Protein backbone atom coordinates (compact mmCIF):
# COMPACT_ATOMS: atom_id res chain seq x y z
CA MET A 1 0.07 0.00 0.01
CA LYS A 2 1.47 3.36 -0.92
CA HIS A 3 1.36 6.15 1.72
CA ASN A 4 -0.64 9.35 0.96
CA PHE A 5 0.68 11.50 3.58
CA LEU A 6 -1.20 14.53 2.66
CA PRO A 7 -4.56 14.04 4.81
CA LEU A 8 -1.98 13.05 7.69
CA LEU A 9 0.17 16.18 7.10
CA PHE A 10 -2.87 18.32 7.18
CA ALA A 11 -4.05 16.87 10.36
CA LEU A 12 -0.83 17.33 12.21
CA CYS A 13 -0.39 21.05 10.82
CA PHE A 14 -3.99 21.76 11.91
CA THR A 15 -3.43 20.09 15.37
CA VAL A 16 -0.13 22.15 15.92
CA VAL A 17 -1.70 25.41 14.96
CA CYS A 18 -4.81 24.64 17.01
CA GLN A 19 -2.69 24.13 19.99
CA ALA A 20 -0.56 27.06 19.39
CA GLN A 21 -3.77 29.18 19.29
CA SER A 22 -5.34 27.73 22.30
CA GLY A 23 -2.36 27.06 24.33
CA SER A 24 -3.13 23.70 25.05
CA MET A 25 -1.56 20.39 24.62
CA SER A 26 -2.21 17.59 22.19
CA LYS A 27 -4.28 14.89 23.55
CA VAL A 28 -1.79 12.36 21.97
CA PHE A 29 1.37 12.41 23.41
CA VAL A 30 4.71 10.23 23.46
CA LEU A 31 5.09 8.27 26.54
CA GLY A 32 8.19 9.13 28.31
CA ALA A 33 8.28 12.69 26.91
CA GLU A 34 5.92 14.46 29.37
CA GLU A 35 6.56 12.65 32.74
CA GLN A 36 4.63 15.24 34.90
CA ARG A 37 1.56 15.09 32.69
CA TYR A 38 1.83 11.35 32.63
CA GLU A 39 1.98 11.10 36.31
CA GLN A 40 -1.19 13.34 36.86
CA LEU A 41 -3.03 11.23 34.32
CA THR A 42 -2.13 7.80 35.91
CA SER A 43 -3.18 9.27 39.45
CA SER A 44 -6.43 10.83 38.03
CA TYR A 45 -7.61 7.89 35.86
CA THR A 46 -7.33 5.17 38.61
CA GLN A 47 -9.95 2.75 37.42
CA SER A 48 -8.90 0.03 34.75
CA LEU A 49 -10.76 -0.86 31.73
CA LEU A 50 -11.69 -4.30 33.46
CA GLU A 51 -13.12 -2.58 36.52
CA ALA A 52 -15.13 -0.08 33.94
CA THR A 53 -16.75 -3.34 32.36
CA GLY A 54 -17.79 -4.60 35.83
CA GLY A 55 -14.90 -7.30 35.94
CA ASP A 56 -16.11 -9.03 32.73
CA ILE A 57 -12.78 -9.88 31.08
CA THR A 58 -14.45 -10.71 27.78
CA LYS A 59 -16.22 -7.30 27.38
CA ALA A 60 -12.95 -5.70 28.29
CA PHE A 61 -11.10 -7.55 25.91
CA GLU A 62 -13.47 -7.24 23.11
CA SER A 63 -13.80 -3.52 23.97
CA TRP A 64 -10.11 -3.13 23.38
CA LEU A 65 -10.10 -5.15 20.23
CA ASP A 66 -13.14 -3.13 18.84
CA MET A 67 -10.64 0.15 19.45
CA GLN A 68 -7.73 -1.73 17.69
CA GLN A 69 -9.77 -2.61 14.69
CA ASN A 70 -11.23 0.93 14.49
CA ILE A 71 -7.67 2.25 14.62
CA ASP A 72 -6.77 -0.20 11.57
CA SER A 73 -9.89 1.01 9.83
CA TYR A 74 -9.22 4.71 10.37
CA ALA A 75 -5.56 4.29 9.21
CA ALA A 76 -6.79 2.68 5.78
CA SER A 77 -9.37 5.32 5.31
CA GLN A 78 -6.50 7.95 5.55
CA ASN A 79 -4.40 5.68 3.29
CA TYR A 80 -1.87 5.14 6.04
CA ASP A 81 -0.20 1.58 6.05
CA LEU A 82 0.06 0.49 9.66
CA ASN A 83 1.29 -3.12 8.82
CA GLY A 84 4.16 -4.01 11.15
CA VAL A 85 3.64 -1.18 13.28
CA ARG A 86 3.79 -2.00 16.96
CA LEU A 87 3.14 0.46 19.91
CA TRP A 88 2.71 0.66 23.75
CA LEU A 89 -0.53 2.38 24.16
CA HIS A 90 -1.94 4.03 27.40
CA VAL A 91 -5.46 5.32 27.06
CA PHE A 92 -7.32 7.52 29.29
CA TRP A 93 -11.29 7.40 28.83
CA ALA A 94 -13.95 10.05 29.98
CA PRO A 95 -16.88 7.99 31.52
CA ASP A 96 -18.84 8.08 28.33
CA GLY A 97 -16.17 6.19 26.49
CA SER A 98 -14.51 9.10 24.63
CA ILE A 99 -10.70 9.14 24.69
CA ASP A 100 -9.42 12.24 26.62
CA GLN A 101 -5.60 11.52 26.32
CA LEU A 102 -3.63 8.72 24.53
CA GLY A 103 -0.12 8.01 25.22
CA PHE A 104 1.87 5.96 22.81
CA LEU A 105 5.38 4.69 22.28
CA LEU A 106 6.89 2.88 19.11
CA ARG A 107 8.10 -0.56 20.38
CA PRO A 108 11.71 -1.54 19.44
CA ASP A 109 10.29 -4.28 17.29
CA SER A 110 8.14 -1.96 15.22
CA ARG A 111 8.40 -1.31 11.72
CA LEU A 112 10.09 2.14 11.44
CA VAL A 113 7.77 4.99 10.96
CA GLU A 114 7.61 8.66 12.01
CA GLU A 115 6.45 9.42 15.44
CA LYS A 116 4.70 12.72 14.09
CA GLU A 117 2.86 10.60 11.67
CA ILE A 118 1.73 8.16 14.17
CA GLN A 119 0.84 11.15 16.45
CA ALA A 120 -1.45 12.85 13.90
CA LEU A 121 -3.00 9.43 13.01
CA LEU A 122 -4.00 8.78 16.46
CA ALA A 123 -5.26 12.26 16.93
CA GLY A 124 -7.57 12.22 14.12
CA PHE A 125 -8.53 8.73 15.29
CA ILE A 126 -9.46 9.95 19.02
CA GLY A 127 -11.66 12.79 17.57
CA GLN A 128 -14.15 10.43 15.81
CA TYR A 129 -14.14 7.42 18.17
CA LYS A 130 -15.87 6.34 21.35
CA LEU A 131 -15.22 2.80 23.14
CA PRO A 132 -18.43 0.98 23.54
CA VAL A 133 -17.84 1.05 27.50
CA GLN A 134 -19.47 3.50 29.85
CA SER A 135 -18.63 3.87 33.52
CA GLN A 136 -19.35 6.06 36.48
CA ARG A 137 -15.75 7.17 36.67
CA THR A 138 -12.86 7.81 34.17
CA PHE A 139 -10.69 4.89 33.32
CA ASN A 140 -7.61 3.62 31.72
CA HIS A 141 -5.79 0.87 29.80
CA TYR A 142 -2.13 0.35 29.07
CA THR A 143 -0.84 -2.46 26.84
CA GLY A 144 0.78 -3.29 23.61
CA ALA A 145 -0.85 -3.08 20.14
CA THR A 146 0.44 -4.81 16.96
CA PHE A 147 -1.22 -3.84 13.42
CA PRO A 148 -2.82 -5.18 11.41
CA THR A 149 -5.32 -6.42 14.29
CA LEU A 150 -5.53 -10.16 13.46
CA SER A 151 -7.70 -11.16 16.49
CA GLN A 152 -11.47 -11.49 15.99
CA ARG A 153 -14.35 -11.37 18.33
CA ARG A 154 -16.48 -14.55 18.90
CA GLY A 155 -19.23 -14.81 16.32
CA GLN A 156 -17.12 -13.02 13.53
């Protein structure tokens, strides 16, 4: 698949300009780059995805799988090839399932890609995605993600 970086470049430039105008930080950040911010998030979002699903491990797994598959689909819609990309992801959700913040780090075994491209892709993704889980409190999940997403839910 050939990369068409124009949509991603536009998204990245738009994000940077909007942040500069508003003085805000991106909702997507590189893990390890902003330690104070990360510490604040981890101390504020204390409930896990598993706790948010009432301890239902199947629902938690299928919800995470839904998000990964949607990242795959979003990347394809942006003509971005995620095949071979491996990330550490730490996602921080609002009670309604929308993503408040997302930290990522390219894993050492990942295909080489530009961090800024992944950041722009994830920023576009979180603006249009809502996890199919709701909770009374904010919640988080930290794990590795490998693309393409090969697992399927039961019944698919």
